[in-house]
Amino acid sequence: MLPNRMQLSRQTEEQLKRLKGHTGITPNIAARLAFFRSVEGDFRYLPQQDNKKLDGTLILDKITWLGETLNTTELVLTMLYPDLEQKTLFKAWAAHVEDGIAAMRNYRNLKDFTKNL
């Protein structure tokens, strides 16, 4: 369902890298946490309002980005957005990661990060 190669916006990517520098959590793991944090919140992707370019340089395959959460992530996206095409679902995933990382990006150490999950 999701494409094999996936990337995020440059801004989101930099926030993930900054979080890794402070906590040691790799960008792919942080992206998984950010996605599910966003899905649990009130954020919903609106394709007609999306003008973000997915221009990040960190292009990874979906197995690396999603790991063991691959099937769950794809199922959640399908449940939330049953009418979206594959390319648009990919953008929905990226938008959820961007929304979720906004709440996580300011942690300065792993202890504070884990306390607030």
PDB file of N, CA and C in Angstrom:
ATOM      1  N   MET A   1       0.808  -1.173   0.000  1.00  0.00           N
ATOM      2  CA  MET A   1       0.000   0.000   0.000  1.00  0.00           C
ATOM      3  C   MET A   1       0.865   1.255   0.000  1.00  0.00           C
ATOM      4  N   LEU A   2       1.742   1.421   0.959  1.00  0.00           N
ATOM      5  CA  LEU A   2       2.668   2.553   0.945  1.00  0.00           C
ATOM      6  C   LEU A   2       3.811   2.232  -0.020  1.00  0.00           C
ATOM      7  N   PRO A   3       4.400   3.254  -0.618  1.00  0.00           N
ATOM      8  CA  PRO A   3       5.506   2.990  -1.550  1.00  0.00           C
ATOM      9  C   PRO A   3       6.720   2.408  -0.826  1.00  0.00           C
ATOM     10  N   ASN A   4       7.577   1.737  -1.570  1.00  0.00           N
ATOM     11  CA  ASN A   4       8.754   1.122  -0.954  1.00  0.00           C
ATOM     12  C   ASN A   4       9.785   2.139  -0.481  1.00  0.00           C
ATOM     13  N   ARG A   5       9.887   3.274  -1.164  1.00  0.00           N
ATOM     14  CA  ARG A   5      10.833   4.326  -0.773  1.00  0.00           C
ATOM     15  C   ARG A   5      10.036   5.501  -0.240  1.00  0.00           C
ATOM     16  N   MET A   6      10.381   5.981   0.947  1.00  0.00           N
ATOM     17  CA  MET A   6       9.614   7.056   1.571  1.00  0.00           C
ATOM     18  C   MET A   6      10.547   8.122   2.127  1.00  0.00           C
ATOM     19  N   GLN A   7      10.070   9.360   2.117  1.00  0.00           N
ATOM     20  CA  GLN A   7      10.825  10.462   2.679  1.00  0.00           C
ATOM     21  C   GLN A   7       9.869  11.459   3.307  1.00  0.00           C
ATOM     22  N   LEU A   8      10.418  12.341   4.115  1.00  0.00           N
ATOM     23  CA  LEU A   8       9.649  13.357   4.820  1.00  0.00           C
ATOM     24  C   LEU A   8      10.055  14.741   4.323  1.00  0.00           C
ATOM     25  N   SER A   9       9.432  15.759   4.871  1.00  0.00           N
ATOM     26  CA  SER A   9       9.856  17.118   4.539  1.00  0.00           C
ATOM     27  C   SER A   9      11.200  17.387   5.221  1.00  0.00           C
ATOM     28  N   ARG A  10      11.922  18.329   4.699  1.00  0.00           N
ATOM     29  CA  ARG A  10      13.236  18.672   5.252  1.00  0.00           C
ATOM     30  C   ARG A  10      13.099  19.127   6.709  1.00  0.00           C
ATOM     31  N   GLN A  11      12.066  19.914   6.999  1.00  0.00           N
ATOM     32  CA  GLN A  11      11.856  20.416   8.357  1.00  0.00           C
ATOM     33  C   GLN A  11      11.625  19.265   9.342  1.00  0.00           C
ATOM     34  N   THR A  12      10.773  18.331   8.977  1.00  0.00           N
ATOM     35  CA  THR A  12      10.502  17.183   9.846  1.00  0.00           C
ATOM     36  C   THR A  12      11.756  16.356  10.037  1.00  0.00           C
ATOM     37  N   GLU A  13      12.484  16.152   8.960  1.00  0.00           N
ATOM     38  CA  GLU A  13      13.718  15.379   9.018  1.00  0.00           C
ATOM     39  C   GLU A  13      14.723  16.013   9.979  1.00  0.00           C
ATOM     40  N   GLU A  14      14.860  17.324   9.919  1.00  0.00           N
ATOM     41  CA  GLU A  14      15.790  18.015  10.812  1.00  0.00           C
ATOM     42  C   GLU A  14      15.353  17.903  12.275  1.00  0.00           C
ATOM     43  N   GLN A  15      14.042  17.944  12.513  1.00  0.00           N
ATOM     44  CA  GLN A  15      13.548  17.779  13.879  1.00  0.00           C
ATOM     45  C   GLN A  15      13.838  16.375  14.394  1.00  0.00           C
ATOM     46  N   LEU A  16      13.685  15.382  13.544  1.00  0.00           N
ATOM     47  CA  LEU A  16      14.009  14.010  13.931  1.00  0.00           C
ATOM     48  C   LEU A  16      15.493  13.858  14.235  1.00  0.00           C
ATOM     49  N   LYS A  17      16.340  14.477  13.419  1.00  0.00           N
ATOM     50  CA  LYS A  17      17.786  14.398  13.650  1.00  0.00           C
ATOM     51  C   LYS A  17      18.184  15.133  14.925  1.00  0.00           C
ATOM     52  N   ARG A  18      17.540  16.253  15.190  1.00  0.00           N
ATOM     53  CA  ARG A  18      17.824  17.006  16.419  1.00  0.00           C
ATOM     54  C   ARG A  18      17.423  16.180  17.646  1.00  0.00           C
ATOM     55  N   LEU A  19      16.274  15.518  17.553  1.00  0.00           N
ATOM     56  CA  LEU A  19      15.825  14.654  18.649  1.00  0.00           C
ATOM     57  C   LEU A  19      16.821  13.522  18.864  1.00  0.00           C
ATOM     58  N   LYS A  20      17.362  12.976  17.780  1.00  0.00           N
ATOM     59  CA  LYS A  20      18.366  11.915  17.913  1.00  0.00           C
ATOM     60  C   LYS A  20      19.611  12.427  18.630  1.00  0.00           C
ATOM     61  N   GLY A  21      20.007  13.640  18.302  1.00  0.00           N
ATOM     62  CA  GLY A  21      21.177  14.221  18.963  1.00  0.00           C
ATOM     63  C   GLY A  21      20.995  14.387  20.454  1.00  0.00           C
ATOM     64  N   HIS A  22      19.793  14.703  20.881  1.00  0.00           N
ATOM     65  CA  HIS A  22      19.521  14.920  22.305  1.00  0.00           C
ATOM     66  C   HIS A  22      19.222  13.626  23.058  1.00  0.00           C
ATOM     67  N   THR A  23      18.535  12.679  22.396  1.00  0.00           N
ATOM     68  CA  THR A  23      18.061  11.491  23.110  1.00  0.00           C
ATOM     69  C   THR A  23      18.712  10.191  22.654  1.00  0.00           C
ATOM     70  N   GLY A  24      19.286  10.186  21.450  1.00  0.00           N
ATOM     71  CA  GLY A  24      19.856   8.963  20.904  1.00  0.00           C
ATOM     72  C   GLY A  24      18.842   8.097  20.173  1.00  0.00           C
ATOM     73  N   ILE A  25      17.579   8.523  20.106  1.00  0.00           N
ATOM     74  CA  ILE A  25      16.544   7.765  19.412  1.00  0.00           C
ATOM     75  C   ILE A  25      16.677   8.028  17.914  1.00  0.00           C
ATOM     76  N   THR A  26      16.821   6.971  17.135  1.00  0.00           N
ATOM     77  CA  THR A  26      17.033   7.127  15.694  1.00  0.00           C
ATOM     78  C   THR A  26      15.800   7.732  15.021  1.00  0.00           C
ATOM     79  N   PRO A  27      16.013   8.411  13.890  1.00  0.00           N
ATOM     80  CA  PRO A  27      14.884   9.050  13.203  1.00  0.00           C
ATOM     81  C   PRO A  27      13.744   8.099  12.827  1.00  0.00           C
ATOM     82  N   ASN A  28      14.058   6.881  12.435  1.00  0.00           N
ATOM     83  CA  ASN A  28      12.978   5.969  12.057  1.00  0.00           C
ATOM     84  C   ASN A  28      12.126   5.559  13.267  1.00  0.00           C
ATOM     85  N   ILE A  29      12.754   5.329  14.412  1.00  0.00           N
ATOM     86  CA  ILE A  29      11.999   4.989  15.628  1.00  0.00           C
ATOM     87  C   ILE A  29      11.186   6.200  16.087  1.00  0.00           C
ATOM     88  N   ALA A  30      11.794   7.373  16.067  1.00  0.00           N
ATOM     89  CA  ALA A  30      11.081   8.592  16.466  1.00  0.00           C
ATOM     90  C   ALA A  30       9.908   8.865  15.526  1.00  0.00           C
ATOM     91  N   ALA A  31      10.077   8.576  14.235  1.00  0.00           N
ATOM     92  CA  ALA A  31       8.985   8.772  13.275  1.00  0.00           C
ATOM     93  C   ALA A  31       7.816   7.844  13.587  1.00  0.00           C
ATOM     94  N   ARG A  32       8.104   6.625  13.989  1.00  0.00           N
ATOM     95  CA  ARG A  32       7.030   5.681  14.355  1.00  0.00           C
ATOM     96  C   ARG A  32       6.267   6.201  15.562  1.00  0.00           C
ATOM     97  N   LEU A  33       7.004   6.641  16.581  1.00  0.00           N
ATOM     98  CA  LEU A  33       6.357   7.184  17.777  1.00  0.00           C
ATOM     99  C   LEU A  33       5.545   8.432  17.443  1.00  0.00           C
ATOM    100  N   ALA A  34       6.103   9.298  16.617  1.00  0.00           N
ATOM    101  CA  ALA A  34       5.420  10.534  16.233  1.00  0.00           C
ATOM    102  C   ALA A  34       4.133  10.221  15.467  1.00  0.00           C
ATOM    103  N   PHE A  35       4.185   9.253  14.571  1.00  0.00           N
ATOM    104  CA  PHE A  35       2.993   8.892  13.800  1.00  0.00           C
ATOM    105  C   PHE A  35       1.863   8.466  14.726  1.00  0.00           C
ATOM    106  N   PHE A  36       2.145   7.544  15.631  1.00  0.00           N
ATOM    107  CA  PHE A  36       1.072   7.037  16.496  1.00  0.00           C
ATOM    108  C   PHE A  36       0.618   8.079  17.508  1.00  0.00           C
ATOM    109  N   ARG A  37       1.510   8.939  17.929  1.00  0.00           N
ATOM    110  CA  ARG A  37       1.114  10.033  18.815  1.00  0.00           C
ATOM    111  C   ARG A  37       0.130  10.956  18.094  1.00  0.00           C
ATOM    112  N   SER A  38       0.402  11.243  16.845  1.00  0.00           N
ATOM    113  CA  SER A  38      -0.466  12.106  16.050  1.00  0.00           C
ATOM    114  C   SER A  38      -1.822  11.448  15.792  1.00  0.00           C
ATOM    115  N   VAL A  39      -1.808  10.169  15.464  1.00  0.00           N
ATOM    116  CA  VAL A  39      -3.057   9.449  15.188  1.00  0.00           C
ATOM    117  C   VAL A  39      -3.940   9.425  16.439  1.00  0.00           C
ATOM    118  N   GLU A  40      -3.331   9.270  17.601  1.00  0.00           N
ATOM    119  CA  GLU A  40      -4.102   9.252  18.843  1.00  0.00           C
ATOM    120  C   GLU A  40      -4.681  10.625  19.180  1.00  0.00           C
ATOM    121  N   GLY A  41      -4.085  11.666  18.630  1.00  0.00           N
ATOM    122  CA  GLY A  41      -4.579  13.017  18.861  1.00  0.00           C
ATOM    123  C   GLY A  41      -5.703  13.364  17.901  1.00  0.00           C
ATOM    124  N   ASP A  42      -5.961  14.637  17.772  1.00  0.00           N
ATOM    125  CA  ASP A  42      -7.066  15.105  16.940  1.00  0.00           C
ATOM    126  C   ASP A  42      -6.659  15.424  15.508  1.00  0.00           C
ATOM    127  N   PHE A  43      -5.399  15.294  15.175  1.00  0.00           N
ATOM    128  CA  PHE A  43      -4.948  15.672  13.841  1.00  0.00           C
ATOM    129  C   PHE A  43      -5.500  14.723  12.777  1.00  0.00           C
ATOM    130  N   ARG A  44      -5.989  15.305  11.680  1.00  0.00           N
ATOM    131  CA  ARG A  44      -6.394  14.525  10.517  1.00  0.00           C
ATOM    132  C   ARG A  44      -5.864  15.218   9.269  1.00  0.00           C
ATOM    133  N   TYR A  45      -5.356  14.433   8.381  1.00  0.00           N
ATOM    134  CA  TYR A  45      -4.771  14.922   7.130  1.00  0.00           C
ATOM    135  C   TYR A  45      -5.880  15.345   6.175  1.00  0.00           C
ATOM    136  N   LEU A  46      -5.732  16.532   5.615  1.00  0.00           N
ATOM    137  CA  LEU A  46      -6.675  17.040   4.615  1.00  0.00           C
ATOM    138  C   LEU A  46      -5.911  17.273   3.313  1.00  0.00           C
ATOM    139  N   PRO A  47      -6.077  16.395   2.328  1.00  0.00           N
ATOM    140  CA  PRO A  47      -5.306  16.501   1.089  1.00  0.00           C
ATOM    141  C   PRO A  47      -5.473  17.843   0.378  1.00  0.00           C
ATOM    142  N   GLN A  48      -6.657  18.412   0.429  1.00  0.00           N
ATOM    143  CA  GLN A  48      -6.895  19.669  -0.268  1.00  0.00           C
ATOM    144  C   GLN A  48      -6.155  20.837   0.376  1.00  0.00           C
ATOM    145  N   GLN A  49      -5.707  20.697   1.610  1.00  0.00           N
ATOM    146  CA  GLN A  49      -4.965  21.761   2.280  1.00  0.00           C
ATOM    147  C   GLN A  49      -3.469  21.469   2.347  1.00  0.00           C
ATOM    148  N   ASP A  50      -3.050  20.402   1.710  1.00  0.00           N
ATOM    149  CA  ASP A  50      -1.643  19.991   1.771  1.00  0.00           C
ATOM    150  C   ASP A  50      -0.842  20.654   0.655  1.00  0.00           C
ATOM    151  N   ASN A  51       0.127  21.461   1.057  1.00  0.00           N
ATOM    152  CA  ASN A  51       1.027  22.061   0.067  1.00  0.00           C
ATOM    153  C   ASN A  51       2.490  21.835   0.453  1.00  0.00           C
ATOM    154  N   LYS A  52       2.724  20.864   1.332  1.00  0.00           N
ATOM    155  CA  LYS A  52       4.084  20.545   1.782  1.00  0.00           C
ATOM    156  C   LYS A  52       4.823  19.742   0.720  1.00  0.00           C
ATOM    157  N   LYS A  53       6.089  20.083   0.551  1.00  0.00           N
ATOM    158  CA  LYS A  53       6.951  19.303  -0.324  1.00  0.00           C
ATOM    159  C   LYS A  53       7.712  18.291   0.527  1.00  0.00           C
ATOM    160  N   LEU A  54       7.722  17.072   0.102  1.00  0.00           N
ATOM    161  CA  LEU A  54       8.488  16.039   0.789  1.00  0.00           C
ATOM    162  C   LEU A  54       9.877  16.041   0.180  1.00  0.00           C
ATOM    163  N   ASP A  55      10.704  16.962   0.685  1.00  0.00           N
ATOM    164  CA  ASP A  55      11.993  17.245   0.074  1.00  0.00           C
ATOM    165  C   ASP A  55      13.184  16.866   0.949  1.00  0.00           C
ATOM    166  N   GLY A  56      12.969  16.020   1.921  1.00  0.00           N
ATOM    167  CA  GLY A  56      14.062  15.601   2.785  1.00  0.00           C
ATOM    168  C   GLY A  56      15.075  14.743   2.050  1.00  0.00           C
ATOM    169  N   THR A  57      16.267  14.664   2.601  1.00  0.00           N
ATOM    170  CA  THR A  57      17.333  13.888   1.960  1.00  0.00           C
ATOM    171  C   THR A  57      17.422  12.466   2.503  1.00  0.00           C
ATOM    172  N   LEU A  58      16.730  12.200   3.604  1.00  0.00           N
ATOM    173  CA  LEU A  58      16.749  10.869   4.213  1.00  0.00           C
ATOM    174  C   LEU A  58      15.651  10.027   3.569  1.00  0.00           C
ATOM    175  N   ILE A  59      16.021   9.295   2.523  1.00  0.00           N
ATOM    176  CA  ILE A  59      15.066   8.452   1.803  1.00  0.00           C
ATOM    177  C   ILE A  59      15.349   7.008   2.197  1.00  0.00           C
ATOM    178  N   LEU A  60      14.388   6.421   2.907  1.00  0.00           N
ATOM    179  CA  LEU A  60      14.554   5.052   3.389  1.00  0.00           C
ATOM    180  C   LEU A  60      13.420   4.184   2.866  1.00  0.00           C
ATOM    181  N   ASP A  61      13.639   2.870   2.861  1.00  0.00           N
ATOM    182  CA  ASP A  61      12.540   2.006   2.450  1.00  0.00           C
ATOM    183  C   ASP A  61      11.526   1.907   3.594  1.00  0.00           C
ATOM    184  N   LYS A  62      10.324   1.478   3.248  1.00  0.00           N
ATOM    185  CA  LYS A  62       9.254   1.496   4.251  1.00  0.00           C
ATOM    186  C   LYS A  62       9.508   0.518   5.392  1.00  0.00           C
ATOM    187  N   ILE A  63      10.252  -0.538   5.148  1.00  0.00           N
ATOM    188  CA  ILE A  63      10.581  -1.473   6.230  1.00  0.00           C
ATOM    189  C   ILE A  63      11.454  -0.772   7.271  1.00  0.00           C
ATOM    190  N   THR A  64      12.389   0.036   6.829  1.00  0.00           N
ATOM    191  CA  THR A  64      13.251   0.767   7.756  1.00  0.00           C
ATOM    192  C   THR A  64      12.455   1.831   8.502  1.00  0.00           C
ATOM    193  N   TRP A  65      11.632   2.592   7.794  1.00  0.00           N
ATOM    194  CA  TRP A  65      10.831   3.635   8.445  1.00  0.00           C
ATOM    195  C   TRP A  65       9.857   3.039   9.452  1.00  0.00           C
ATOM    196  N   LEU A  66       9.174   1.953   9.058  1.00  0.00           N
ATOM    197  CA  LEU A  66       8.052   1.468   9.853  1.00  0.00           C
ATOM    198  C   LEU A  66       8.354   0.229  10.689  1.00  0.00           C
ATOM    199  N   GLY A  67       9.331  -0.562  10.301  1.00  0.00           N
ATOM    200  CA  GLY A  67       9.713  -1.746  11.069  1.00  0.00           C
ATOM    201  C   GLY A  67       8.533  -2.670  11.347  1.00  0.00           C
ATOM    202  N   GLU A  68       8.430  -3.113  12.588  1.00  0.00           N
ATOM    203  CA  GLU A  68       7.365  -4.035  12.977  1.00  0.00           C
ATOM    204  C   GLU A  68       5.989  -3.383  12.978  1.00  0.00           C
ATOM    205  N   THR A  69       5.949  -2.072  12.876  1.00  0.00           N
ATOM    206  CA  THR A  69       4.659  -1.376  12.857  1.00  0.00           C
ATOM    207  C   THR A  69       4.106  -1.219  11.435  1.00  0.00           C
ATOM    208  N   LEU A  70       4.765  -1.810  10.450  1.00  0.00           N
ATOM    209  CA  LEU A  70       4.370  -1.644   9.050  1.00  0.00           C
ATOM    210  C   LEU A  70       2.898  -1.976   8.818  1.00  0.00           C
ATOM    211  N   ASN A  71       2.491  -3.187   9.166  1.00  0.00           N
ATOM    212  CA  ASN A  71       1.106  -3.600   8.920  1.00  0.00           C
ATOM    213  C   ASN A  71       0.120  -2.747   9.706  1.00  0.00           C
ATOM    214  N   THR A  72       0.449  -2.449  10.945  1.00  0.00           N
ATOM    215  CA  THR A  72      -0.437  -1.630  11.777  1.00  0.00           C
ATOM    216  C   THR A  72      -0.558  -0.222  11.212  1.00  0.00           C
ATOM    217  N   THR A  73       0.556   0.355  10.796  1.00  0.00           N
ATOM    218  CA  THR A  73       0.541   1.702  10.224  1.00  0.00           C
ATOM    219  C   THR A  73      -0.317   1.741   8.965  1.00  0.00           C
ATOM    220  N   GLU A  74      -0.124   0.789   8.075  1.00  0.00           N
ATOM    221  CA  GLU A  74      -0.909   0.757   6.851  1.00  0.00           C
ATOM    222  C   GLU A  74      -2.395   0.546   7.145  1.00  0.00           C
ATOM    223  N   LEU A  75      -2.709  -0.290   8.114  1.00  0.00           N
ATOM    224  CA  LEU A  75      -4.102  -0.528   8.487  1.00  0.00           C
ATOM    225  C   LEU A  75      -4.739   0.732   9.068  1.00  0.00           C
ATOM    226  N   VAL A  76      -4.025   1.415   9.949  1.00  0.00           N
ATOM    227  CA  VAL A  76      -4.545   2.647  10.540  1.00  0.00           C
ATOM    228  C   VAL A  76      -4.788   3.694   9.456  1.00  0.00           C
ATOM    229  N   LEU A  77      -3.839   3.847   8.537  1.00  0.00           N
ATOM    230  CA  LEU A  77      -4.019   4.808   7.449  1.00  0.00           C
ATOM    231  C   LEU A  77      -5.230   4.449   6.586  1.00  0.00           C
ATOM    232  N   THR A  78      -5.409   3.174   6.306  1.00  0.00           N
ATOM    233  CA  THR A  78      -6.547   2.730   5.509  1.00  0.00           C
ATOM    234  C   THR A  78      -7.864   2.971   6.239  1.00  0.00           C
ATOM    235  N   MET A  79      -7.873   2.771   7.534  1.00  0.00           N
ATOM    236  CA  MET A  79      -9.096   3.008   8.316  1.00  0.00           C
ATOM    237  C   MET A  79      -9.424   4.499   8.392  1.00  0.00           C
ATOM    238  N   LEU A  80      -8.407   5.331   8.584  1.00  0.00           N
ATOM    239  CA  LEU A  80      -8.638   6.767   8.700  1.00  0.00           C
ATOM    240  C   LEU A  80      -8.974   7.407   7.357  1.00  0.00           C
ATOM    241  N   TYR A  81      -8.351   6.921   6.298  1.00  0.00           N
ATOM    242  CA  TYR A  81      -8.481   7.533   4.974  1.00  0.00           C
ATOM    243  C   TYR A  81      -8.806   6.467   3.927  1.00  0.00           C
ATOM    244  N   PRO A  82     -10.011   5.892   3.960  1.00  0.00           N
ATOM    245  CA  PRO A  82     -10.327   4.779   3.053  1.00  0.00           C
ATOM    246  C   PRO A  82     -10.377   5.156   1.575  1.00  0.00           C
ATOM    247  N   ASP A  83     -10.548   6.420   1.264  1.00  0.00           N
ATOM    248  CA  ASP A  83     -10.704   6.827  -0.138  1.00  0.00           C
ATOM    249  C   ASP A  83      -9.431   7.376  -0.772  1.00  0.00           C
ATOM    250  N   LEU A  84      -8.338   7.424  -0.031  1.00  0.00           N
ATOM    251  CA  LEU A  84      -7.109   8.004  -0.570  1.00  0.00           C
ATOM    252  C   LEU A  84      -6.308   6.987  -1.365  1.00  0.00           C
ATOM    253  N   GLU A  85      -5.632   7.480  -2.394  1.00  0.00           N
ATOM    254  CA  GLU A  85      -4.745   6.651  -3.212  1.00  0.00           C
ATOM    255  C   GLU A  85      -3.429   6.435  -2.480  1.00  0.00           C
ATOM    256  N   GLN A  86      -2.600   5.534  -3.008  1.00  0.00           N
ATOM    257  CA  GLN A  86      -1.331   5.185  -2.379  1.00  0.00           C
ATOM    258  C   GLN A  86      -0.445   6.407  -2.167  1.00  0.00           C
ATOM    259  N   LYS A  87      -0.293   7.239  -3.179  1.00  0.00           N
ATOM    260  CA  LYS A  87       0.585   8.407  -3.062  1.00  0.00           C
ATOM    261  C   LYS A  87       0.071   9.385  -2.013  1.00  0.00           C
ATOM    262  N   THR A  88      -1.233   9.531  -1.938  1.00  0.00           N
ATOM    263  CA  THR A  88      -1.817  10.437  -0.956  1.00  0.00           C
ATOM    264  C   THR A  88      -1.733   9.846   0.446  1.00  0.00           C
ATOM    265  N   LEU A  89      -1.850   8.535   0.570  1.00  0.00           N
ATOM    266  CA  LEU A  89      -1.674   7.888   1.883  1.00  0.00           C
ATOM    267  C   LEU A  89      -0.261   8.107   2.398  1.00  0.00           C
ATOM    268  N   PHE A  90       0.706   8.063   1.502  1.00  0.00           N
ATOM    269  CA  PHE A  90       2.096   8.324   1.872  1.00  0.00           C
ATOM    270  C   PHE A  90       2.226   9.741   2.423  1.00  0.00           C
ATOM    271  N   LYS A  91       1.573  10.711   1.773  1.00  0.00           N
ATOM    272  CA  LYS A  91       1.606  12.086   2.264  1.00  0.00           C
ATOM    273  C   LYS A  91       0.888  12.211   3.605  1.00  0.00           C
ATOM    274  N   ALA A  92      -0.169  11.426   3.799  1.00  0.00           N
ATOM    275  CA  ALA A  92      -0.870  11.426   5.086  1.00  0.00           C
ATOM    276  C   ALA A  92       0.056  10.919   6.184  1.00  0.00           C
ATOM    277  N   TRP A  93       0.807   9.855   5.889  1.00  0.00           N
ATOM    278  CA  TRP A  93       1.777   9.339   6.867  1.00  0.00           C
ATOM    279  C   TRP A  93       2.793  10.423   7.223  1.00  0.00           C
ATOM    280  N   ALA A  94       3.335  11.083   6.207  1.00  0.00           N
ATOM    281  CA  ALA A  94       4.327  12.133   6.442  1.00  0.00           C
ATOM    282  C   ALA A  94       3.735  13.287   7.260  1.00  0.00           C
ATOM    283  N   ALA A  95       2.485  13.639   6.993  1.00  0.00           N
ATOM    284  CA  ALA A  95       1.834  14.719   7.737  1.00  0.00           C
ATOM    285  C   ALA A  95       1.634  14.333   9.199  1.00  0.00           C
ATOM    286  N   HIS A  96       1.291  13.075   9.441  1.00  0.00           N
ATOM    287  CA  HIS A  96       1.125  12.612  10.823  1.00  0.00           C
ATOM    288  C   HIS A  96       2.467  12.595  11.557  1.00  0.00           C
ATOM    289  N   VAL A  97       3.524  12.203  10.882  1.00  0.00           N
ATOM    290  CA  VAL A  97       4.851  12.224  11.508  1.00  0.00           C
ATOM    291  C   VAL A  97       5.223  13.667  11.856  1.00  0.00           C
ATOM    292  N   GLU A  98       4.972  14.584  10.942  1.00  0.00           N
ATOM    293  CA  GLU A  98       5.279  15.987  11.191  1.00  0.00           C
ATOM    294  C   GLU A  98       4.478  16.528  12.371  1.00  0.00           C
ATOM    295  N   ASP A  99       3.205  16.187  12.432  1.00  0.00           N
ATOM    296  CA  ASP A  99       2.367  16.635  13.546  1.00  0.00           C
ATOM    297  C   ASP A  99       2.852  16.040  14.864  1.00  0.00           C
ATOM    298  N   GLY A 100       3.159  14.765  14.867  1.00  0.00           N
ATOM    299  CA  GLY A 100       3.581  14.094  16.099  1.00  0.00           C
ATOM    300  C   GLY A 100       4.936  14.541  16.601  1.00  0.00           C
ATOM    301  N   ILE A 101       5.850  14.822  15.690  1.00  0.00           N
ATOM    302  CA  ILE A 101       7.201  15.218  16.110  1.00  0.00           C
ATOM    303  C   ILE A 101       7.187  16.608  16.732  1.00  0.00           C
ATOM    304  N   ALA A 102       6.207  17.414  16.382  1.00  0.00           N
ATOM    305  CA  ALA A 102       6.119  18.770  16.945  1.00  0.00           C
ATOM    306  C   ALA A 102       6.021  18.731  18.468  1.00  0.00           C
ATOM    307  N   ALA A 103       5.349  17.732  18.998  1.00  0.00           N
ATOM    308  CA  ALA A 103       5.206  17.610  20.450  1.00  0.00           C
ATOM    309  C   ALA A 103       6.419  16.951  21.108  1.00  0.00           C
ATOM    310  N   MET A 104       7.262  16.306  20.318  1.00  0.00           N
ATOM    311  CA  MET A 104       8.368  15.535  20.874  1.00  0.00           C
ATOM    312  C   MET A 104       9.726  16.185  20.656  1.00  0.00           C
ATOM    313  N   ARG A 105       9.823  17.165  19.821  1.00  0.00           N
ATOM    314  CA  ARG A 105      11.120  17.661  19.359  1.00  0.00           C
ATOM    315  C   ARG A 105      11.941  18.420  20.388  1.00  0.00           C
ATOM    316  N   ASN A 106      11.340  18.890  21.460  1.00  0.00           N
ATOM    317  CA  ASN A 106      12.058  19.746  22.401  1.00  0.00           C
ATOM    318  C   ASN A 106      12.676  19.019  23.591  1.00  0.00           C
ATOM    319  N   TYR A 107      12.547  17.711  23.633  1.00  0.00           N
ATOM    320  CA  TYR A 107      13.144  16.983  24.751  1.00  0.00           C
ATOM    321  C   TYR A 107      14.660  16.985  24.630  1.00  0.00           C
ATOM    322  N   ARG A 108      15.323  17.223  25.741  1.00  0.00           N
ATOM    323  CA  ARG A 108      16.783  17.354  25.746  1.00  0.00           C
ATOM    324  C   ARG A 108      17.517  16.099  26.194  1.00  0.00           C
ATOM    325  N   ASN A 109      16.771  15.136  26.747  1.00  0.00           N
ATOM    326  CA  ASN A 109      17.425  13.890  27.137  1.00  0.00           C
ATOM    327  C   ASN A 109      16.410  12.751  27.111  1.00  0.00           C
ATOM    328  N   LEU A 110      16.915  11.544  27.125  1.00  0.00           N
ATOM    329  CA  LEU A 110      16.067  10.364  27.013  1.00  0.00           C
ATOM    330  C   LEU A 110      15.145  10.213  28.213  1.00  0.00           C
ATOM    331  N   LYS A 111      15.605  10.584  29.392  1.00  0.00           N
ATOM    332  CA  LYS A 111      14.794  10.464  30.600  1.00  0.00           C
ATOM    333  C   LYS A 111      13.520  11.311  30.482  1.00  0.00           C
ATOM    334  N   ASP A 112      13.659  12.563  30.098  1.00  0.00           N
ATOM    335  CA  ASP A 112      12.496  13.425  29.943  1.00  0.00           C
ATOM    336  C   ASP A 112      11.589  12.932  28.830  1.00  0.00           C
ATOM    337  N   PHE A 113      12.183  12.443  27.776  1.00  0.00           N
ATOM    338  CA  PHE A 113      11.410  11.943  26.641  1.00  0.00           C
ATOM    339  C   PHE A 113      10.520  10.771  27.063  1.00  0.00           C
ATOM    340  N   THR A 114      11.098   9.800  27.753  1.00  0.00           N
ATOM    341  CA  THR A 114      10.340   8.613  28.141  1.00  0.00           C
ATOM    342  C   THR A 114       9.282   8.916  29.200  1.00  0.00           C
ATOM    343  N   LYS A 115       9.535   9.898  30.053  1.00  0.00           N
ATOM    344  CA  LYS A 115       8.543  10.281  31.060  1.00  0.00           C
ATOM    345  C   LYS A 115       7.277  10.847  30.434  1.00  0.00           C
ATOM    346  N   ASN A 116       7.417  11.469  29.275  1.00  0.00           N
ATOM    347  CA  ASN A 116       6.286  12.150  28.665  1.00  0.00           C
ATOM    348  C   ASN A 116       5.666  11.430  27.489  1.00  0.00           C
ATOM    349  N   LEU A 117       5.991  10.169  27.312  1.00  0.00           N
ATOM    350  CA  LEU A 117       5.364   9.407  26.216  1.00  0.00           C
ATOM    351  C   LEU A 117       3.937   9.071  26.529  1.00  0.00           C
TER     352      LEU A 117
END
